[in-house]
């Protein structure tokens, strides 16, 4: 659970591929002799891994990741079949430059593509689009085949040998697109954004250091492995993370209850009068309340793990703590929520962009502020041995808190 929560962080989604790419570049020159013993396997691994990613993207509803894998598979196919000779030949340099120029643009466009499955009508159209690009590149190659392109290389596509075999203009273009993708990842933090960033980064590394032996096979293999991890972590998100509040959900709680120590305390939290609030202000505002409460709960002291139990109910699990140790933290949480002023906004007039929202924040003097409260029931496992029974005791205590007037913490008797 903790491992996958790290993968949800935008910073970690950015730093993990970046760190691996740096380590790969450091280790690769010293590993060439060892890798040569497995050359045939090494060349074929990316084909296998990208194919697995493509087929897994279908049942896991990760369409964009599937498209990224398909683009990388086509690029790798071209590298293996057409770029395995020195780049001193003008025709080979042309293929290299075309691929290095087209690949990042194809990857970057996945950021704005609809998240449709690869095996769909849209996926078929996208595959045709890729084939058209390959066909266009083939026509360009055929047109310039045998032509003296020295003036082009010297004027427009010159390289700095000490820096890279990649033409400088394409090198800078690739670097700019990698940075653009990183910015998108940090801003939106979608799993598909990480998939695009991974492939842009490792394709950039491949083209920049193309003189390294086995660079394409190693870099593309690592990219494919990271895409597989991306799919697994995203499926974990869908299964265990509540999409509205972005905290672990009921399934995650059920899983955690199977791994408890001798002492633990469970608290059941319910938003007071939530149905009336929903009816009065609408479901969108009700969703805002749940997200706000979840955000405040995540900051609870005492090492409590917060889960959305369902509807307006939440659960906090304190491992290794008695009920007496947990009460101060729960009281502090209850007071924090009760004192928080929430601004009621008209969702129909809400700005469509974060920039417009930040500019308008605080400008609407007619906005109404309200306060919400929660009732909390708490139980410790000395009362019951089974986690389900402890949870039931906490739920009964929650009912008693409601009956006693709400906005209070009630211990199980």
Protein backbone atom coordinates (compact mmCIF):
# COMPACT_ATOMS: atom_id res chain seq x y z
CA UNK A 1 0.00 0.00 0.00
CA UNK A 2 2.74 2.47 0.98
CA UNK A 3 4.77 1.66 -2.12
CA UNK A 4 1.89 2.43 -4.48
CA UNK A 5 1.02 5.63 -2.60
CA UNK A 6 4.50 6.89 -3.49
CA UNK A 7 3.82 6.28 -7.18
CA UNK A 8 0.77 8.59 -6.92
CA UNK A 9 2.95 11.58 -6.04
CA UNK A 10 3.72 13.81 -9.04
CA UNK A 11 7.24 14.39 -7.77
CA UNK A 12 7.93 10.67 -7.45
CA UNK A 13 6.37 9.98 -10.84
CA UNK A 14 8.88 12.44 -12.26
CA UNK A 15 11.96 11.54 -10.22
CA UNK A 16 11.81 7.74 -10.47
CA UNK A 17 12.22 7.57 -14.30
CA UNK A 18 14.74 10.43 -14.23
CA UNK A 19 16.87 8.68 -11.59
CA UNK A 20 16.73 5.37 -13.45
CA UNK A 21 17.77 7.07 -16.70
CA UNK A 22 20.80 8.66 -15.01
CA UNK A 23 21.82 5.37 -13.38
CA UNK A 24 21.44 3.60 -16.74
CA UNK A 25 23.77 6.08 -18.45
CA UNK A 26 26.34 5.67 -15.68
CA UNK A 27 26.22 1.86 -15.71
CA UNK A 28 25.85 1.16 -19.44
CA UNK A 29 29.48 1.82 -20.53
CA UNK A 30 30.70 -0.64 -17.88
CA UNK A 31 28.12 -3.32 -18.78
CA UNK A 32 28.70 -3.64 -22.51
CA UNK A 33 30.79 -6.85 -22.28
CA UNK A 34 28.26 -8.55 -20.01
CA UNK A 35 25.32 -7.49 -22.15
CA UNK A 36 26.99 -8.80 -25.30
CA UNK A 37 26.55 -12.34 -23.97
CA UNK A 38 22.77 -11.84 -24.08
CA UNK A 39 22.56 -9.80 -27.25
CA UNK A 40 19.75 -11.76 -28.94
CA UNK A 41 17.61 -11.72 -25.81
CA UNK A 42 18.33 -8.05 -25.19
CA UNK A 43 17.25 -7.06 -28.70
CA UNK A 44 13.93 -8.92 -28.40
CA UNK A 45 12.92 -7.90 -24.86
CA UNK A 46 11.39 -4.52 -25.88
CA UNK A 47 9.18 -6.25 -28.46
CA UNK A 48 7.85 -8.60 -25.79
CA UNK A 49 7.40 -5.97 -23.09
CA UNK A 50 5.71 -3.34 -25.25
CA UNK A 51 3.36 -5.99 -26.65
CA UNK A 52 2.42 -6.99 -23.09
CA UNK A 53 1.77 -3.33 -22.22
CA UNK A 54 -0.43 -2.92 -25.30
CA UNK A 55 -2.59 -5.92 -24.43
CA UNK A 56 -2.76 -5.10 -20.70
CA UNK A 57 -3.86 -1.54 -21.47
CA UNK A 58 -7.15 -2.92 -22.81
CA UNK A 59 -8.60 -4.69 -19.72
CA UNK A 60 -7.11 -2.10 -17.36
CA UNK A 61 -8.69 0.79 -19.35
CA UNK A 62 -5.33 2.49 -19.85
CA UNK A 63 -5.82 3.56 -23.46
CA UNK A 64 -3.23 6.33 -23.50
CA UNK A 65 -0.57 4.00 -22.09
CA UNK A 66 -1.43 1.55 -24.86
CA UNK A 67 -0.96 4.25 -27.51
CA UNK A 68 2.39 5.24 -26.02
CA UNK A 69 3.53 1.61 -26.07
CA UNK A 70 2.45 1.23 -29.70
CA UNK A 71 4.39 4.36 -30.72
CA UNK A 72 7.50 3.10 -28.93
CA UNK A 73 7.14 -0.35 -30.49
CA UNK A 74 7.04 1.12 -34.00
CA UNK A 75 10.02 3.38 -33.22
CA UNK A 76 12.04 0.46 -31.84
CA UNK A 77 11.22 -1.62 -34.92
CA UNK A 78 12.65 1.14 -37.11
CA UNK A 79 15.76 1.48 -34.93
CA UNK A 80 16.54 -2.25 -35.03
CA UNK A 81 15.92 -2.71 -38.75
CA UNK A 82 17.25 0.54 -40.20
CA UNK A 83 19.65 2.16 -37.74
CA UNK A 84 22.13 -0.57 -36.91
CA UNK A 85 24.88 0.83 -39.15
CA UNK A 86 27.12 3.87 -38.47
CA UNK A 87 25.51 7.27 -38.93
CA UNK A 88 28.28 8.40 -41.28
CA UNK A 89 25.99 7.44 -44.19
CA UNK A 90 23.73 10.37 -45.21
CA UNK A 91 20.72 8.12 -45.79
CA UNK A 92 21.00 6.51 -42.37
CA UNK A 93 21.41 9.95 -40.80
CA UNK A 94 18.21 11.02 -42.57
CA UNK A 95 16.23 8.12 -41.10
CA UNK A 96 17.73 8.83 -37.68
CA UNK A 97 16.80 12.52 -37.86
CA UNK A 98 13.26 11.84 -39.13
CA UNK A 99 12.62 9.34 -36.34
CA UNK A 100 14.11 11.56 -33.64
CA UNK A 101 11.94 14.44 -34.88
CA UNK A 102 8.63 12.59 -35.32
CA UNK A 103 8.69 10.32 -32.26
CA UNK A 104 8.52 13.01 -29.53
CA UNK A 105 5.65 14.82 -31.27
CA UNK A 106 3.67 11.59 -31.50
CA UNK A 107 4.29 10.87 -27.83
CA UNK A 108 3.47 14.41 -26.72
CA UNK A 109 0.10 14.43 -28.49
CA UNK A 110 -1.04 11.57 -26.23
CA UNK A 111 -1.34 14.18 -23.44
CA UNK A 112 -4.31 15.72 -25.23
CA UNK A 113 -5.82 12.60 -26.79
CA UNK A 114 -9.11 11.18 -25.51
CA UNK A 115 -8.55 8.17 -23.26
CA UNK A 116 -10.01 5.64 -25.70
CA UNK A 117 -9.05 1.97 -25.74
CA UNK A 118 -6.42 0.99 -28.27
CA UNK A 119 -8.62 -1.81 -29.64
CA UNK A 120 -11.41 0.49 -30.76
CA UNK A 121 -12.42 2.56 -33.78
CA UNK A 122 -10.34 5.46 -32.48
CA UNK A 123 -7.41 3.09 -31.94
CA UNK A 124 -7.71 1.85 -35.51
CA UNK A 125 -7.66 5.44 -36.81
CA UNK A 126 -4.62 6.19 -34.67
CA UNK A 127 -2.82 3.12 -36.04
CA UNK A 128 -3.60 4.31 -39.58
CA UNK A 129 -2.23 7.75 -38.63
CA UNK A 130 1.03 6.12 -37.49
CA UNK A 131 1.28 4.10 -40.70
CA UNK A 132 0.72 7.24 -42.77
CA UNK A 133 3.63 8.90 -40.98
CA UNK A 134 5.85 5.88 -41.61
CA UNK A 135 4.78 5.96 -45.26
CA UNK A 136 5.49 9.70 -45.52
CA UNK A 137 8.93 9.21 -43.95
CA UNK A 138 9.61 6.40 -46.43
CA UNK A 139 8.70 8.72 -49.33
CA UNK A 140 11.01 11.42 -47.98
CA UNK A 141 13.81 8.86 -47.65
CA UNK A 142 13.19 7.58 -51.19
CA UNK A 143 13.17 11.12 -52.57
CA UNK A 144 16.51 12.03 -50.98
CA UNK A 145 18.15 8.62 -51.40
CA UNK A 146 21.44 9.06 -53.19
CA UNK A 147 21.26 12.86 -52.94
CA UNK A 148 24.21 14.75 -51.53
CA UNK A 149 22.86 16.22 -48.30
CA UNK A 150 26.15 17.63 -47.05
CA UNK A 151 24.93 21.23 -47.27
CA UNK A 152 21.82 20.34 -45.22
CA UNK A 153 23.88 18.69 -42.50
CA UNK A 154 26.38 21.55 -42.39
CA UNK A 155 23.73 24.31 -42.44
CA UNK A 156 20.68 23.04 -40.59
CA UNK A 157 21.30 19.62 -39.04
CA UNK A 158 24.87 20.00 -37.80
CA UNK A 159 26.00 18.11 -34.72
CA UNK A 160 28.50 18.65 -31.97
CA UNK A 161 30.44 15.39 -31.92
CA UNK A 162 31.48 15.80 -28.30
CA UNK A 163 27.85 16.31 -27.30
CA UNK A 164 25.74 13.95 -29.38
CA UNK A 165 25.25 12.37 -32.79
CA UNK A 166 21.78 13.93 -32.82
CA UNK A 167 21.49 17.18 -34.84
CA UNK A 168 21.56 20.10 -32.43
CA UNK A 169 18.19 21.53 -33.46
CA UNK A 170 16.48 18.16 -32.94
CA UNK A 171 18.37 17.64 -29.68
CA UNK A 172 17.06 20.95 -28.33
CA UNK A 173 13.57 20.16 -29.62
CA UNK A 174 13.55 16.80 -27.83
CA UNK A 175 14.80 18.40 -24.62
CA UNK A 176 12.07 21.08 -24.81
CA UNK A 177 9.37 18.44 -25.31
CA UNK A 178 10.66 16.36 -22.39
CA UNK A 179 10.50 19.47 -20.18
CA UNK A 180 7.00 20.25 -21.46
CA UNK A 181 5.86 16.72 -20.63
CA UNK A 182 7.44 16.97 -17.16
CA UNK A 183 5.52 20.21 -16.59
CA UNK A 184 2.26 18.53 -17.59
CA UNK A 185 2.99 15.63 -15.24
CA UNK A 186 3.68 17.93 -12.30
CA UNK A 187 0.57 19.99 -13.04
CA UNK A 188 -2.00 17.21 -13.67
CA UNK A 189 -0.34 14.14 -12.12
CA UNK A 190 -2.19 11.60 -14.26
CA UNK A 191 -0.79 8.12 -14.73
CA UNK A 192 -0.99 8.60 -18.51
CA UNK A 193 1.11 11.77 -18.16
CA UNK A 194 3.83 9.68 -16.51
CA UNK A 195 3.63 7.15 -19.35
CA UNK A 196 4.26 9.91 -21.90
CA UNK A 197 7.07 11.41 -19.83
CA UNK A 198 8.78 8.01 -19.40
CA UNK A 199 8.87 7.36 -23.13
CA UNK A 200 9.88 10.90 -24.07
CA UNK A 201 12.71 10.75 -21.54
CA UNK A 202 14.09 7.36 -22.60
CA UNK A 203 13.70 8.04 -26.32
CA UNK A 204 15.57 11.34 -25.77
CA UNK A 205 18.32 9.48 -23.92
CA UNK A 206 18.48 6.89 -26.70
CA UNK A 207 18.88 9.42 -29.49
CA UNK A 208 21.23 11.69 -27.54
CA UNK A 209 23.62 8.86 -26.62
CA UNK A 210 23.06 6.73 -29.71
CA UNK A 211 26.76 5.98 -29.93
CA UNK A 212 26.50 3.78 -26.81
CA UNK A 213 26.33 0.06 -27.58
CA UNK A 214 22.91 -1.47 -26.71
CA UNK A 215 21.52 1.95 -25.74
CA UNK A 216 18.27 1.50 -27.69
CA UNK A 217 17.54 -2.02 -26.39
CA UNK A 218 18.33 -1.14 -22.77
CA UNK A 219 16.54 2.22 -22.75
CA UNK A 220 13.43 0.93 -24.51
CA UNK A 221 13.34 -2.15 -22.23
CA UNK A 222 13.46 0.03 -19.12
CA UNK A 223 10.76 2.31 -20.55
CA UNK A 224 8.54 -0.72 -21.18
CA UNK A 225 9.09 -2.03 -17.63
CA UNK A 226 8.18 1.38 -16.21
CA UNK A 227 5.01 1.38 -18.34
CA UNK A 228 4.08 -2.00 -16.86
CA UNK A 229 4.61 -0.62 -13.35
CA UNK A 230 2.54 2.40 -14.35
CA UNK A 231 -0.38 0.18 -15.39
CA UNK A 232 -0.16 -1.87 -12.18
CA UNK A 233 0.00 1.22 -9.95
CA UNK A 234 -2.90 2.81 -11.83
CA UNK A 235 -5.02 -0.34 -11.47
CA UNK A 236 -4.17 -0.21 -7.75
CA UNK A 237 -5.44 3.39 -7.69
CA UNK A 238 -8.70 2.42 -9.33
CA UNK A 239 -9.18 -0.51 -6.96
CA UNK A 240 -8.08 1.02 -3.66
CA UNK A 241 -8.23 4.82 -3.99
CA UNK A 242 -11.53 6.69 -3.80
CA UNK A 243 -11.67 8.84 -6.93
CA UNK A 244 -13.61 11.72 -5.37
CA UNK A 245 -11.63 12.30 -2.17
CA UNK A 246 -8.34 10.74 -3.36
CA UNK A 247 -7.92 8.81 -0.13
CA UNK A 248 -7.98 5.00 0.26
CA UNK A 249 -11.47 3.50 0.00
CA UNK A 250 -13.40 0.64 1.55
CA UNK A 251 -11.45 -2.09 -0.24
CA UNK A 252 -8.17 -0.65 1.05
CA UNK A 253 -9.59 -0.63 4.59
CA UNK A 254 -10.76 -4.24 4.31
CA UNK A 255 -7.29 -5.22 3.16
CA UNK A 256 -5.60 -3.31 6.01
CA UNK A 257 -7.86 -4.91 8.63
CA UNK A 258 -6.26 -8.25 7.78
CA UNK A 259 -2.85 -7.02 8.94
CA UNK A 260 -3.30 -5.58 12.43
CA UNK A 261 -1.23 -5.93 15.56
CA UNK A 262 -2.28 -6.58 19.13
CA UNK A 263 -3.52 -3.06 19.79
CA UNK A 264 -5.43 -0.76 17.48
CA UNK A 265 -8.27 1.75 17.57
CA UNK A 266 -10.91 2.39 14.94
CA UNK A 267 -12.91 5.60 14.55
CA UNK A 268 -16.03 5.98 12.41
CA UNK A 269 -16.72 9.55 11.24
CA UNK A 270 -19.95 10.80 9.69
CA UNK A 271 -20.69 14.27 8.26
CA UNK A 272 -23.65 15.71 10.19
CA UNK A 273 -26.88 16.53 8.30
CA UNK A 274 -25.18 15.71 5.02
CA UNK A 275 -28.41 14.74 3.23
CA UNK A 276 -30.03 18.09 4.11
CA UNK A 277 -26.86 19.88 3.02
CA UNK A 278 -26.91 18.00 -0.29
CA UNK A 279 -30.58 18.78 -0.89
CA UNK A 280 -30.08 22.47 -0.13
CA UNK A 281 -26.85 23.20 -2.01
CA UNK A 282 -26.70 20.40 -4.60
CA UNK A 283 -24.57 17.32 -5.12
CA UNK A 284 -21.58 19.23 -6.52
CA UNK A 285 -21.30 21.23 -3.32
CA UNK A 286 -21.86 18.04 -1.33
CA UNK A 287 -18.89 16.52 -3.14
CA UNK A 288 -16.84 19.59 -2.21
CA UNK A 289 -17.74 19.00 1.45
CA UNK A 290 -16.57 15.39 1.29
CA UNK A 291 -13.29 16.42 -0.37
CA UNK A 292 -12.75 19.12 2.24
CA UNK A 293 -13.41 16.76 5.15
CA UNK A 294 -11.10 14.16 3.61
CA UNK A 295 -8.34 16.76 3.19
CA UNK A 296 -8.60 17.86 6.82
CA UNK A 297 -8.62 14.23 7.99
CA UNK A 298 -5.42 13.43 6.10
CA UNK A 299 -3.60 15.91 8.35
CA UNK A 300 -4.66 14.16 11.58
CA UNK A 301 -1.86 13.63 14.10
CA UNK A 302 -1.13 10.38 15.89
CA UNK A 303 -0.38 8.28 12.81
CA UNK A 304 -4.01 7.64 11.88
CA UNK A 305 -4.73 6.17 8.45
CA UNK A 306 -7.84 7.66 6.83
CA UNK A 307 -10.28 5.77 4.58
CA UNK A 308 -13.56 6.62 2.91
CA UNK A 309 -15.97 4.00 4.20
CA UNK A 310 -18.83 4.96 1.91
CA UNK A 311 -21.13 7.92 1.27
CA UNK A 312 -20.41 10.55 3.92
CA UNK A 313 -18.77 8.06 6.29
CA UNK A 314 -15.04 7.82 6.89
CA UNK A 315 -12.85 5.54 8.98
CA UNK A 316 -9.58 6.30 10.78
CA UNK A 317 -7.35 3.42 11.85
CA UNK A 318 -4.77 3.95 14.60
CA UNK A 319 -2.32 1.05 14.76
CA UNK A 320 -0.58 0.37 18.05
CA UNK A 321 -2.60 2.97 19.98
CA UNK A 322 -5.23 2.64 22.66
CA UNK A 323 -8.46 4.59 22.65
CA UNK A 324 -7.16 6.97 25.32
CA UNK A 325 -4.15 7.84 23.19
CA UNK A 326 -6.34 8.55 20.15
CA UNK A 327 -9.03 10.72 21.76
CA UNK A 328 -6.98 13.98 21.80
CA UNK A 329 -6.24 13.65 18.08
CA UNK A 330 -9.89 12.95 17.25
CA UNK A 331 -11.11 15.88 19.35
CA UNK A 332 -8.61 18.14 17.63
CA UNK A 333 -9.85 16.91 14.23
CA UNK A 334 -13.50 17.45 15.17
CA UNK A 335 -12.80 21.01 16.29
CA UNK A 336 -10.74 21.77 13.18
CA UNK A 337 -13.59 20.67 10.90
CA UNK A 338 -16.23 22.53 12.97
CA UNK A 339 -14.26 25.79 12.83
CA UNK A 340 -13.46 25.62 9.11
CA UNK A 341 -15.46 28.10 7.02
CA UNK A 342 -16.43 26.67 3.64
CA UNK A 343 -17.34 29.05 0.82
CA UNK A 344 -20.41 27.99 -1.18
CA UNK A 345 -19.72 28.57 -4.86
CA UNK A 346 -22.05 28.48 -7.84
CA UNK A 347 -20.72 25.53 -9.86
CA UNK A 348 -22.44 26.78 -13.03
CA UNK A 349 -20.38 30.00 -12.85
CA UNK A 350 -17.20 28.33 -11.67
CA UNK A 351 -14.07 29.21 -13.74
CA UNK A 352 -12.98 26.47 -16.12
CA UNK A 353 -9.25 26.97 -15.49
CA UNK A 354 -7.14 27.04 -12.34
CA UNK A 355 -5.64 30.42 -13.32
CA UNK A 356 -9.08 32.03 -13.70
CA UNK A 357 -10.19 30.41 -10.45
CA UNK A 358 -7.18 31.77 -8.55
CA UNK A 359 -7.78 35.26 -9.95
CA UNK A 360 -11.47 35.21 -9.03
CA UNK A 361 -10.91 33.74 -5.57
CA UNK A 362 -12.05 36.20 -2.92
CA UNK A 363 -13.54 38.63 -5.47
CA UNK A 364 -17.14 37.45 -5.15
CA UNK A 365 -18.49 39.28 -2.10
CA UNK A 366 -21.87 37.55 -2.41
CA UNK A 367 -20.45 34.08 -1.72
CA UNK A 368 -21.91 32.42 1.35
CA UNK A 369 -19.80 30.60 3.91
CA UNK A 370 -21.04 27.64 5.92
CA UNK A 371 -19.62 25.31 8.52
CA UNK A 372 -19.93 21.55 8.64
CA UNK A 373 -19.51 19.27 11.62
CA UNK A 374 -18.79 15.59 12.08
CA UNK A 375 -19.75 13.00 14.65
CA UNK A 376 -17.18 10.39 15.67
CA UNK A 377 -17.53 6.96 17.22
CA UNK A 378 -14.42 5.23 18.60
CA UNK A 379 -13.70 1.64 19.64
CA UNK A 380 -10.58 -0.24 20.72
CA UNK A 381 -9.88 -3.87 20.05
CA UNK A 382 -9.83 -4.87 23.72
CA UNK A 383 -13.63 -4.87 23.49
CA UNK A 384 -13.74 -7.24 20.54
CA UNK A 385 -11.06 -9.43 19.00
CA UNK A 386 -12.25 -9.42 15.38
CA UNK A 387 -11.69 -6.18 13.37
CA UNK A 388 -15.21 -6.38 11.93
CA UNK A 389 -16.65 -6.44 15.46
CA UNK A 390 -14.46 -3.50 16.53
CA UNK A 391 -15.70 -1.59 13.49
CA UNK A 392 -19.28 -2.41 14.45
CA UNK A 393 -18.63 -1.15 17.99
CA UNK A 394 -17.27 2.11 16.58
CA UNK A 395 -20.33 2.40 14.33
CA UNK A 396 -22.63 1.93 17.33
CA UNK A 397 -20.70 4.63 19.18
CA UNK A 398 -21.15 6.89 16.15
CA UNK A 399 -24.91 6.33 16.31
CA UNK A 400 -24.83 7.29 19.99
CA UNK A 401 -22.92 10.49 19.14
CA UNK A 402 -25.62 11.33 16.62
CA UNK A 403 -28.36 10.67 19.16
CA UNK A 404 -26.58 12.82 21.76
CA UNK A 405 -26.63 15.91 19.56
CA UNK A 406 -23.90 15.42 16.92
CA UNK A 407 -20.53 17.22 16.59
CA UNK A 408 -18.97 15.10 19.31
CA UNK A 409 -16.67 12.13 19.92
CA UNK A 410 -18.27 9.11 21.53
CA UNK A 411 -16.37 6.10 22.89
CA UNK A 412 -17.80 2.59 22.64
CA UNK A 413 -19.17 1.32 25.94
